[in-house]
Amino acid sequence: MRIERVGVIGSGLMGSGIAQVAAYHGFNVTLVDIDQARVDAAIDGIHRRLLREAERGRITTEDCEASYQRLHGVADMDTLNSMARVDAVIEAVVEDLEVKGSVFRRLGEVCTPGTLLASNTSSLPLSDLAAASKRPERVIGLHFFNPPWALKLVEIVSTASTTDETLTDAMRFCEKLGRVPVQVKDTPGFIANRLLVPFIFDAIDLLDSGVSSAEDIDNACKVGLNHTMGPLATADLIGLDTLKLIAESMFEEYGEPRFKAPTLLRRLVSLGHLGRKTGRGFFKYAE
């Protein structure tokens, strides 16, 4: 299947980042959210990021403006009628099975039969979303990493119903996006989060028990383990509320204590300290 027009549902950091990557690599992108102000702000943010890349010489000014012109924002989250005209859809809404399920039910109603339906879920059962669409053979997981414009990895998640054609279409699409795809079966956490979440939780436990400071825990991992970013800063980047939702999904599936959200994480979420997006998490960030 030839993919030229891409729909992205959800204009948050992940959705807008995926839209940016798709537009930069030549796809016409329709970005959808619940109101026009939110969509416009997301597209403006994409434009600013592209301009910074051009100023740093990483992309040309022409590519920056061409990418921006390929972006179109629509506030039709309730109906998703704009998705009737695209070749592939990537859902990037909140990590909540009920919310995502409602999106896929609507996509099954409005999209053309051959449309590739993808979810950016990081932990939820893709099979449930595939079933909700009533066209499970064309549903696949495309789990991008944060921030999508910088990190190349995409976990391609297939279910028992995913056809070989759908998998091939997804692989080719990711390659055209300049991403590095890895294949994984539909299992909570997939590859990266199944390894990463317990690692982050161990770091949180070290902090909460007073073994070391957040700065020293992260520095030990960066310098001693050659990680680009420490586990606590990574948690702040993911979003502590998102991390908590991922953990709850994985703990429900596996029932293993290593996937249970630590008390300190839950307290920070309750206080609204969600990481970079709120200016405070395990670290404080300048506004």
C-alpha atoms as a PDB file:
ATOM      1  CA  MET A   1       0.000   0.000   0.000  1.00  0.00           C
ATOM      2  CA  ARG A   2       1.276   3.476  -0.881  1.00  0.00           C
ATOM      3  CA  ILE A   3       1.103   5.861   2.088  1.00  0.00           C
ATOM      4  CA  GLU A   4       1.086   9.589   1.297  1.00  0.00           C
ATOM      5  CA  ARG A   5      -1.410  11.118   3.741  1.00  0.00           C
ATOM      6  CA  VAL A   6      -0.997  10.496   7.469  1.00  0.00           C
ATOM      7  CA  GLY A   7      -3.366  11.280  10.319  1.00  0.00           C
ATOM      8  CA  VAL A   8      -2.071  11.748  13.867  1.00  0.00           C
ATOM      9  CA  ILE A   9      -4.605  11.745  16.694  1.00  0.00           C
ATOM     10  CA  GLY A  10      -3.470  13.619  19.792  1.00  0.00           C
ATOM     11  CA  SER A  11      -1.361  16.788  19.703  1.00  0.00           C
ATOM     12  CA  GLY A  12       0.639  16.288  22.886  1.00  0.00           C
ATOM     13  CA  LEU A  13       4.402  15.831  22.942  1.00  0.00           C
ATOM     14  CA  MET A  14       4.272  12.394  21.324  1.00  0.00           C
ATOM     15  CA  GLY A  15       1.573  13.186  18.786  1.00  0.00           C
ATOM     16  CA  SER A  16       3.108  16.472  17.690  1.00  0.00           C
ATOM     17  CA  GLY A  17       6.537  14.839  17.566  1.00  0.00           C
ATOM     18  CA  ILE A  18       5.295  12.041  15.326  1.00  0.00           C
ATOM     19  CA  ALA A  19       3.531  14.592  13.118  1.00  0.00           C
ATOM     20  CA  GLN A  20       6.785  16.548  12.843  1.00  0.00           C
ATOM     21  CA  VAL A  21       8.747  13.468  11.771  1.00  0.00           C
ATOM     22  CA  ALA A  22       6.128  12.493   9.190  1.00  0.00           C
ATOM     23  CA  ALA A  23       5.898  16.005   7.718  1.00  0.00           C
ATOM     24  CA  TYR A  24       9.674  16.346   7.532  1.00  0.00           C
ATOM     25  CA  HIS A  25       9.913  13.077   5.605  1.00  0.00           C
ATOM     26  CA  GLY A  26       7.472  14.190   2.955  1.00  0.00           C
ATOM     27  CA  PHE A  27       4.062  13.040   4.203  1.00  0.00           C
ATOM     28  CA  ASN A  28       1.009  15.292   4.263  1.00  0.00           C
ATOM     29  CA  VAL A  29      -0.114  15.250   7.893  1.00  0.00           C
ATOM     30  CA  THR A  30      -3.476  15.933   9.506  1.00  0.00           C
ATOM     31  CA  LEU A  31      -3.053  16.504  13.246  1.00  0.00           C
ATOM     32  CA  VAL A  32      -6.213  16.069  15.319  1.00  0.00           C
ATOM     33  CA  ASP A  33      -7.130  17.102  18.845  1.00  0.00           C
ATOM     34  CA  ILE A  34     -10.166  18.182  20.815  1.00  0.00           C
ATOM     35  CA  ASP A  35     -10.022  21.938  20.127  1.00  0.00           C
ATOM     36  CA  GLN A  36      -8.460  24.183  17.508  1.00  0.00           C
ATOM     37  CA  ALA A  37      -6.401  26.207  19.973  1.00  0.00           C
ATOM     38  CA  ARG A  38      -4.626  23.075  21.143  1.00  0.00           C
ATOM     39  CA  VAL A  39      -3.966  21.930  17.574  1.00  0.00           C
ATOM     40  CA  ASP A  40      -2.704  25.357  16.521  1.00  0.00           C
ATOM     41  CA  ALA A  41      -0.368  25.506  19.537  1.00  0.00           C
ATOM     42  CA  ALA A  42       1.035  22.070  18.666  1.00  0.00           C
ATOM     43  CA  ILE A  43       1.693  23.038  15.045  1.00  0.00           C
ATOM     44  CA  ASP A  44       3.314  26.276  16.197  1.00  0.00           C
ATOM     45  CA  GLY A  45       5.538  24.225  18.499  1.00  0.00           C
ATOM     46  CA  ILE A  46       6.515  21.954  15.611  1.00  0.00           C
ATOM     47  CA  HIS A  47       7.393  24.997  13.526  1.00  0.00           C
ATOM     48  CA  ARG A  48       9.581  26.409  16.297  1.00  0.00           C
ATOM     49  CA  ARG A  49      11.437  23.098  16.643  1.00  0.00           C
ATOM     50  CA  LEU A  50      12.005  22.953  12.889  1.00  0.00           C
ATOM     51  CA  LEU A  51      13.272  26.544  12.872  1.00  0.00           C
ATOM     52  CA  ARG A  52      15.745  25.712  15.658  1.00  0.00           C
ATOM     53  CA  GLU A  53      16.994  22.748  13.638  1.00  0.00           C
ATOM     54  CA  ALA A  54      17.470  25.031  10.629  1.00  0.00           C
ATOM     55  CA  GLU A  55      19.282  27.638  12.741  1.00  0.00           C
ATOM     56  CA  ARG A  56      21.667  24.927  13.961  1.00  0.00           C
ATOM     57  CA  GLY A  57      22.306  23.790  10.392  1.00  0.00           C
ATOM     58  CA  ARG A  58      20.821  20.349  10.889  1.00  0.00           C
ATOM     59  CA  ILE A  59      18.154  20.882   8.227  1.00  0.00           C
ATOM     60  CA  THR A  60      17.774  23.453   5.472  1.00  0.00           C
ATOM     61  CA  THR A  61      15.444  26.433   5.709  1.00  0.00           C
ATOM     62  CA  GLU A  62      13.643  25.092   2.643  1.00  0.00           C
ATOM     63  CA  ASP A  63      13.021  21.720   4.305  1.00  0.00           C
ATOM     64  CA  CYS A  64      11.822  23.502   7.439  1.00  0.00           C
ATOM     65  CA  GLU A  65       9.206  25.524   5.585  1.00  0.00           C
ATOM     66  CA  ALA A  66       8.185  22.632   3.319  1.00  0.00           C
ATOM     67  CA  SER A  67       7.603  20.460   6.384  1.00  0.00           C
ATOM     68  CA  TYR A  68       5.508  23.170   8.015  1.00  0.00           C
ATOM     69  CA  GLN A  69       3.371  23.522   4.886  1.00  0.00           C
ATOM     70  CA  ARG A  70       2.575  19.790   4.960  1.00  0.00           C
ATOM     71  CA  LEU A  71       0.915  20.133   8.383  1.00  0.00           C
ATOM     72  CA  HIS A  72      -2.821  20.651   8.787  1.00  0.00           C
ATOM     73  CA  GLY A  73      -4.653  20.828  12.114  1.00  0.00           C
ATOM     74  CA  VAL A  74      -8.252  19.769  12.720  1.00  0.00           C
ATOM     75  CA  ALA A  75     -10.401  19.851  15.867  1.00  0.00           C
ATOM     76  CA  ASP A  76     -12.671  16.881  15.211  1.00  0.00           C
ATOM     77  CA  MET A  77     -11.716  14.458  17.965  1.00  0.00           C
ATOM     78  CA  ASP A  78     -15.394  13.692  18.556  1.00  0.00           C
ATOM     79  CA  THR A  79     -16.100  12.562  14.984  1.00  0.00           C
ATOM     80  CA  LEU A  80     -12.643  11.917  13.451  1.00  0.00           C
ATOM     81  CA  ASN A  81     -14.224  12.537  10.061  1.00  0.00           C
ATOM     82  CA  SER A  82     -10.925  13.986   8.809  1.00  0.00           C
ATOM     83  CA  MET A  83      -9.427  10.506   9.037  1.00  0.00           C
ATOM     84  CA  ALA A  84     -11.589   9.333   6.128  1.00  0.00           C
ATOM     85  CA  ARG A  85      -9.087  10.927   3.750  1.00  0.00           C
ATOM     86  CA  VAL A  86      -5.780   9.519   5.027  1.00  0.00           C
ATOM     87  CA  ASP A  87      -3.792   6.381   4.177  1.00  0.00           C
ATOM     88  CA  ALA A  88      -2.447   5.735   7.676  1.00  0.00           C
ATOM     89  CA  VAL A  89      -3.503   6.839  11.166  1.00  0.00           C
ATOM     90  CA  ILE A  90      -1.308   6.967  14.254  1.00  0.00           C
ATOM     91  CA  GLU A  91      -3.194   7.296  17.534  1.00  0.00           C
ATOM     92  CA  ALA A  92      -1.225   9.070  20.278  1.00  0.00           C
ATOM     93  CA  VAL A  93      -3.799   9.962  22.936  1.00  0.00           C
ATOM     94  CA  VAL A  94      -3.598   9.372  26.685  1.00  0.00           C
ATOM     95  CA  GLU A  95      -2.466   5.911  27.801  1.00  0.00           C
ATOM     96  CA  ASP A  96      -5.957   4.794  28.775  1.00  0.00           C
ATOM     97  CA  LEU A  97      -7.560   1.701  27.285  1.00  0.00           C
ATOM     98  CA  GLU A  98     -11.089   3.092  27.292  1.00  0.00           C
ATOM     99  CA  VAL A  99     -10.049   6.322  25.579  1.00  0.00           C
ATOM    100  CA  LYS A 100      -7.919   4.566  22.989  1.00  0.00           C
ATOM    101  CA  GLY A 101     -10.621   1.956  22.419  1.00  0.00           C
ATOM    102  CA  SER A 102     -13.176   4.652  21.614  1.00  0.00           C
ATOM    103  CA  VAL A 103     -10.771   6.153  19.080  1.00  0.00           C
ATOM    104  CA  PHE A 104     -10.284   2.820  17.337  1.00  0.00           C
ATOM    105  CA  ARG A 105     -14.007   2.120  17.266  1.00  0.00           C
ATOM    106  CA  ARG A 106     -14.520   5.410  15.462  1.00  0.00           C
ATOM    107  CA  LEU A 107     -11.592   4.800  13.108  1.00  0.00           C
ATOM    108  CA  GLY A 108     -13.154   1.511  12.116  1.00  0.00           C
ATOM    109  CA  GLU A 109     -16.257   3.426  11.105  1.00  0.00           C
ATOM    110  CA  VAL A 110     -14.759   6.371   9.190  1.00  0.00           C
ATOM    111  CA  CYS A 111     -11.545   5.086   7.588  1.00  0.00           C
ATOM    112  CA  THR A 112     -11.363   3.399   4.202  1.00  0.00           C
ATOM    113  CA  PRO A 113     -10.906  -0.394   4.342  1.00  0.00           C
ATOM    114  CA  GLY A 114      -7.210  -0.339   3.461  1.00  0.00           C
ATOM    115  CA  THR A 115      -6.157   2.370   5.910  1.00  0.00           C
ATOM    116  CA  LEU A 116      -3.288   1.386   8.193  1.00  0.00           C
ATOM    117  CA  LEU A 117      -4.449   1.878  11.805  1.00  0.00           C
ATOM    118  CA  ALA A 118      -1.625   2.262  14.304  1.00  0.00           C
ATOM    119  CA  SER A 119      -1.404   2.956  18.018  1.00  0.00           C
ATOM    120  CA  ASN A 120       1.532   4.561  19.788  1.00  0.00           C
ATOM    121  CA  THR A 121       0.631   2.734  23.012  1.00  0.00           C
ATOM    122  CA  SER A 122       3.610   1.820  25.152  1.00  0.00           C
ATOM    123  CA  SER A 123       1.979  -0.817  27.329  1.00  0.00           C
ATOM    124  CA  LEU A 124      -1.724  -1.439  26.640  1.00  0.00           C
ATOM    125  CA  PRO A 125      -2.997  -4.608  24.882  1.00  0.00           C
ATOM    126  CA  LEU A 126      -2.993  -3.878  21.176  1.00  0.00           C
ATOM    127  CA  SER A 127      -5.350  -6.800  20.610  1.00  0.00           C
ATOM    128  CA  ASP A 128      -8.112  -4.945  22.480  1.00  0.00           C
ATOM    129  CA  LEU A 129      -7.699  -1.914  20.226  1.00  0.00           C
ATOM    130  CA  ALA A 130      -7.633  -4.113  17.136  1.00  0.00           C
ATOM    131  CA  ALA A 131     -10.882  -5.771  18.182  1.00  0.00           C
ATOM    132  CA  ALA A 132     -12.504  -2.385  18.849  1.00  0.00           C
ATOM    133  CA  SER A 133     -11.788  -1.288  15.270  1.00  0.00           C
ATOM    134  CA  LYS A 134     -13.588  -4.324  13.804  1.00  0.00           C
ATOM    135  CA  ARG A 135     -10.791  -4.529  11.229  1.00  0.00           C
ATOM    136  CA  PRO A 136      -8.013  -6.144  13.321  1.00  0.00           C
ATOM    137  CA  GLU A 137      -6.050  -7.284  10.287  1.00  0.00           C
ATOM    138  CA  ARG A 138      -5.056  -3.652   9.563  1.00  0.00           C
ATOM    139  CA  VAL A 139      -4.189  -2.658  13.156  1.00  0.00           C
ATOM    140  CA  ILE A 140      -0.594  -2.494  14.316  1.00  0.00           C
ATOM    141  CA  GLY A 141       1.411  -0.886  17.091  1.00  0.00           C
ATOM    142  CA  LEU A 142       3.966   1.807  16.233  1.00  0.00           C
ATOM    143  CA  HIS A 143       5.581   2.716  19.537  1.00  0.00           C
ATOM    144  CA  PHE A 144       7.733   5.804  18.997  1.00  0.00           C
ATOM    145  CA  PHE A 145      10.107   7.019  21.691  1.00  0.00           C
ATOM    146  CA  ASN A 146      10.265  10.391  23.383  1.00  0.00           C
ATOM    147  CA  PRO A 147      11.130  12.764  21.806  1.00  0.00           C
ATOM    148  CA  PRO A 148      10.091  11.244  18.454  1.00  0.00           C
ATOM    149  CA  TRP A 149      12.081  13.726  16.348  1.00  0.00           C
ATOM    150  CA  ALA A 150      15.330  12.760  18.088  1.00  0.00           C
ATOM    151  CA  LEU A 151      15.023   9.058  18.917  1.00  0.00           C
ATOM    152  CA  LYS A 152      15.051   6.685  15.961  1.00  0.00           C
ATOM    153  CA  LEU A 153      13.595   3.538  17.514  1.00  0.00           C
ATOM    154  CA  VAL A 154      10.058   2.362  16.736  1.00  0.00           C
ATOM    155  CA  GLU A 155       8.695  -0.862  18.212  1.00  0.00           C
ATOM    156  CA  ILE A 156       6.380  -2.448  15.646  1.00  0.00           C
ATOM    157  CA  VAL A 157       3.802  -4.510  17.521  1.00  0.00           C
ATOM    158  CA  SER A 158       1.678  -7.151  15.827  1.00  0.00           C
ATOM    159  CA  THR A 159      -1.261  -9.190  17.089  1.00  0.00           C
ATOM    160  CA  ALA A 160      -2.470 -12.635  16.057  1.00  0.00           C
ATOM    161  CA  SER A 161      -4.766 -10.896  13.565  1.00  0.00           C
ATOM    162  CA  THR A 162      -2.193  -8.600  11.951  1.00  0.00           C
ATOM    163  CA  THR A 163      -1.635  -9.634   8.341  1.00  0.00           C
ATOM    164  CA  ASP A 164       1.766  -9.924   6.676  1.00  0.00           C
ATOM    165  CA  GLU A 165       0.732  -7.109   4.332  1.00  0.00           C
ATOM    166  CA  THR A 166       0.015  -4.806   7.281  1.00  0.00           C
ATOM    167  CA  LEU A 167       3.369  -5.641   8.870  1.00  0.00           C
ATOM    168  CA  THR A 168       5.163  -4.963   5.586  1.00  0.00           C
ATOM    169  CA  ASP A 169       3.338  -1.651   5.136  1.00  0.00           C
ATOM    170  CA  ALA A 170       4.307  -0.619   8.668  1.00  0.00           C
ATOM    171  CA  MET A 171       7.955  -1.571   8.182  1.00  0.00           C
ATOM    172  CA  ARG A 172       8.206   0.386   4.937  1.00  0.00           C
ATOM    173  CA  PHE A 173       6.460   3.370   6.490  1.00  0.00           C
ATOM    174  CA  CYS A 174       8.898   3.463   9.414  1.00  0.00           C
ATOM    175  CA  GLU A 175      11.856   3.188   7.074  1.00  0.00           C
ATOM    176  CA  LYS A 176      10.537   6.149   5.045  1.00  0.00           C
ATOM    177  CA  LEU A 177      10.340   8.057   8.313  1.00  0.00           C
ATOM    178  CA  GLY A 178      14.031   7.379   8.855  1.00  0.00           C
ATOM    179  CA  ARG A 179      13.309   5.292  11.949  1.00  0.00           C
ATOM    180  CA  VAL A 180      14.859   1.995  13.056  1.00  0.00           C
ATOM    181  CA  PRO A 181      12.040  -0.564  13.465  1.00  0.00           C
ATOM    182  CA  VAL A 182      12.153  -3.619  15.722  1.00  0.00           C
ATOM    183  CA  GLN A 183       9.398  -6.233  15.708  1.00  0.00           C
ATOM    184  CA  VAL A 184       7.721  -7.452  18.874  1.00  0.00           C
ATOM    185  CA  LYS A 185       4.613  -9.450  19.737  1.00  0.00           C
ATOM    186  CA  ASP A 186       1.686  -7.898  21.577  1.00  0.00           C
ATOM    187  CA  THR A 187       2.847  -8.126  25.175  1.00  0.00           C
ATOM    188  CA  PRO A 188       2.656  -5.399  27.865  1.00  0.00           C
ATOM    189  CA  GLY A 189       5.718  -3.172  27.861  1.00  0.00           C
ATOM    190  CA  PHE A 190       7.021  -4.691  24.626  1.00  0.00           C
ATOM    191  CA  ILE A 191      10.844  -4.666  24.692  1.00  0.00           C
ATOM    192  CA  ALA A 192      12.066  -1.308  25.948  1.00  0.00           C
ATOM    193  CA  ASN A 193       9.557  -0.567  28.711  1.00  0.00           C
ATOM    194  CA  ARG A 194       9.663  -4.098  30.022  1.00  0.00           C
ATOM    195  CA  LEU A 195      13.357  -3.533  30.649  1.00  0.00           C
ATOM    196  CA  LEU A 196      13.225   0.179  31.478  1.00  0.00           C
ATOM    197  CA  VAL A 197      10.335   0.428  33.955  1.00  0.00           C
ATOM    198  CA  PRO A 198      11.813  -1.862  36.660  1.00  0.00           C
ATOM    199  CA  PHE A 199      15.153  -0.076  36.210  1.00  0.00           C
ATOM    200  CA  ILE A 200      13.529   3.321  36.814  1.00  0.00           C
ATOM    201  CA  PHE A 201      11.592   1.953  39.779  1.00  0.00           C
ATOM    202  CA  ASP A 202      14.798   0.653  41.370  1.00  0.00           C
ATOM    203  CA  ALA A 203      16.280   4.140  40.988  1.00  0.00           C
ATOM    204  CA  ILE A 204      13.176   5.650  42.637  1.00  0.00           C
ATOM    205  CA  ASP A 205      13.482   3.191  45.518  1.00  0.00           C
ATOM    206  CA  LEU A 206      17.146   4.152  45.972  1.00  0.00           C
ATOM    207  CA  LEU A 207      16.139   7.787  46.166  1.00  0.00           C
ATOM    208  CA  ASP A 208      13.199   7.207  48.493  1.00  0.00           C
ATOM    209  CA  SER A 209      15.259   5.082  50.907  1.00  0.00           C
ATOM    210  CA  GLY A 210      17.944   7.765  51.135  1.00  0.00           C
ATOM    211  CA  VAL A 211      20.713   5.711  49.585  1.00  0.00           C
ATOM    212  CA  SER A 212      21.711   8.580  47.308  1.00  0.00           C
ATOM    213  CA  SER A 213      20.492  11.824  45.772  1.00  0.00           C
ATOM    214  CA  ALA A 214      18.653  12.056  42.474  1.00  0.00           C
ATOM    215  CA  GLU A 215      21.636  13.809  40.904  1.00  0.00           C
ATOM    216  CA  ASP A 216      24.120  11.160  42.039  1.00  0.00           C
ATOM    217  CA  ILE A 217      21.889   8.241  41.013  1.00  0.00           C
ATOM    218  CA  ASP A 218      21.569   9.677  37.518  1.00  0.00           C
ATOM    219  CA  ASN A 219      25.256  10.584  37.291  1.00  0.00           C
ATOM    220  CA  ALA A 220      26.222   7.046  38.296  1.00  0.00           C
ATOM    221  CA  CYS A 221      24.158   5.696  35.401  1.00  0.00           C
ATOM    222  CA  LYS A 222      25.404   8.274  32.900  1.00  0.00           C
ATOM    223  CA  VAL A 223      29.092   8.004  33.757  1.00  0.00           C
ATOM    224  CA  GLY A 224      29.328   4.440  35.023  1.00  0.00           C
ATOM    225  CA  LEU A 225      26.852   2.776  32.649  1.00  0.00           C
ATOM    226  CA  ASN A 226      27.378   5.156  29.699  1.00  0.00           C
ATOM    227  CA  HIS A 227      23.689   6.120  29.582  1.00  0.00           C
ATOM    228  CA  THR A 228      22.860   9.367  27.810  1.00  0.00           C
ATOM    229  CA  MET A 229      20.262  10.211  30.453  1.00  0.00           C
ATOM    230  CA  GLY A 230      19.796   8.915  33.985  1.00  0.00           C
ATOM    231  CA  PRO A 231      16.705   6.915  35.008  1.00  0.00           C
ATOM    232  CA  LEU A 232      15.112   9.689  37.086  1.00  0.00           C
ATOM    233  CA  ALA A 233      15.542  12.306  34.373  1.00  0.00           C
ATOM    234  CA  THR A 234      14.145   9.756  31.938  1.00  0.00           C
ATOM    235  CA  ALA A 235      11.087   9.340  34.159  1.00  0.00           C
ATOM    236  CA  ASP A 236      10.602  13.123  34.169  1.00  0.00           C
ATOM    237  CA  LEU A 237      10.848  13.162  30.375  1.00  0.00           C
ATOM    238  CA  ILE A 238       8.314  10.353  29.964  1.00  0.00           C
ATOM    239  CA  GLY A 239       5.940  12.089  32.384  1.00  0.00           C
ATOM    240  CA  LEU A 240       5.361  10.622  35.828  1.00  0.00           C
ATOM    241  CA  ASP A 241       1.635  10.264  35.217  1.00  0.00           C
ATOM    242  CA  THR A 242       2.314   8.357  31.990  1.00  0.00           C
ATOM    243  CA  LEU A 243       4.890   6.202  33.756  1.00  0.00           C
ATOM    244  CA  LYS A 244       2.347   5.389  36.462  1.00  0.00           C
ATOM    245  CA  LEU A 245      -0.239   4.350  33.848  1.00  0.00           C
ATOM    246  CA  ILE A 246       2.324   2.168  32.082  1.00  0.00           C
ATOM    247  CA  ALA A 247       3.206   0.523  35.391  1.00  0.00           C
ATOM    248  CA  GLU A 248      -0.413  -0.135  36.298  1.00  0.00           C
ATOM    249  CA  SER A 249      -1.019  -1.839  32.967  1.00  0.00           C
ATOM    250  CA  MET A 250       2.080  -4.000  33.268  1.00  0.00           C
ATOM    251  CA  PHE A 251       1.431  -4.886  36.910  1.00  0.00           C
ATOM    252  CA  GLU A 252      -2.132  -5.899  36.078  1.00  0.00           C
ATOM    253  CA  GLU A 253      -0.879  -8.175  33.311  1.00  0.00           C
ATOM    254  CA  TYR A 254       2.164  -9.728  34.990  1.00  0.00           C
ATOM    255  CA  GLY A 255       1.381  -9.386  38.706  1.00  0.00           C
ATOM    256  CA  GLU A 256       5.092  -9.027  39.458  1.00  0.00           C
ATOM    257  CA  PRO A 257       6.206  -6.621  42.234  1.00  0.00           C
ATOM    258  CA  ARG A 258       8.916  -5.141  39.993  1.00  0.00           C
ATOM    259  CA  PHE A 259       6.200  -3.516  37.881  1.00  0.00           C
ATOM    260  CA  LYS A 260       4.321  -1.955  40.812  1.00  0.00           C
ATOM    261  CA  ALA A 261       4.537   1.848  40.922  1.00  0.00           C
ATOM    262  CA  PRO A 262       6.657   2.989  43.914  1.00  0.00           C
ATOM    263  CA  THR A 263       5.015   5.064  46.628  1.00  0.00           C
ATOM    264  CA  LEU A 264       7.173   8.103  45.842  1.00  0.00           C
ATOM    265  CA  LEU A 265       6.086   8.045  42.201  1.00  0.00           C
ATOM    266  CA  ARG A 266       2.411   7.896  43.177  1.00  0.00           C
ATOM    267  CA  ARG A 267       2.842  10.765  45.660  1.00  0.00           C
ATOM    268  CA  LEU A 268       4.476  13.006  43.068  1.00  0.00           C
ATOM    269  CA  VAL A 269       1.683  12.304  40.603  1.00  0.00           C
ATOM    270  CA  SER A 270      -0.917  13.132  43.259  1.00  0.00           C
ATOM    271  CA  LEU A 271       0.835  16.457  43.899  1.00  0.00           C
ATOM    272  CA  GLY A 272       0.832  17.278  40.183  1.00  0.00           C
ATOM    273  CA  HIS A 273       4.623  17.066  39.905  1.00  0.00           C
ATOM    274  CA  LEU A 274       4.656  15.189  36.606  1.00  0.00           C
ATOM    275  CA  GLY A 275       8.153  15.922  35.329  1.00  0.00           C
ATOM    276  CA  ARG A 276       9.310  18.235  32.566  1.00  0.00           C
ATOM    277  CA  LYS A 277       5.817  19.124  31.382  1.00  0.00           C
ATOM    278  CA  THR A 278       4.912  20.667  34.756  1.00  0.00           C
ATOM    279  CA  GLY A 279       8.382  22.009  35.593  1.00  0.00           C
ATOM    280  CA  ARG A 280       8.902  19.640  38.498  1.00  0.00           C
ATOM    281  CA  GLY A 281       9.279  15.903  39.021  1.00  0.00           C
ATOM    282  CA  PHE A 282      12.362  14.240  40.469  1.00  0.00           C
ATOM    283  CA  PHE A 283      14.145  17.391  39.305  1.00  0.00           C
ATOM    284  CA  LYS A 284      13.081  21.018  38.919  1.00  0.00           C
ATOM    285  CA  TYR A 285      13.074  22.621  35.481  1.00  0.00           C
ATOM    286  CA  ALA A 286      13.254  26.258  34.481  1.00  0.00           C
ATOM    287  CA  GLU A 287      10.050  27.646  33.021  1.00  0.00           C
END
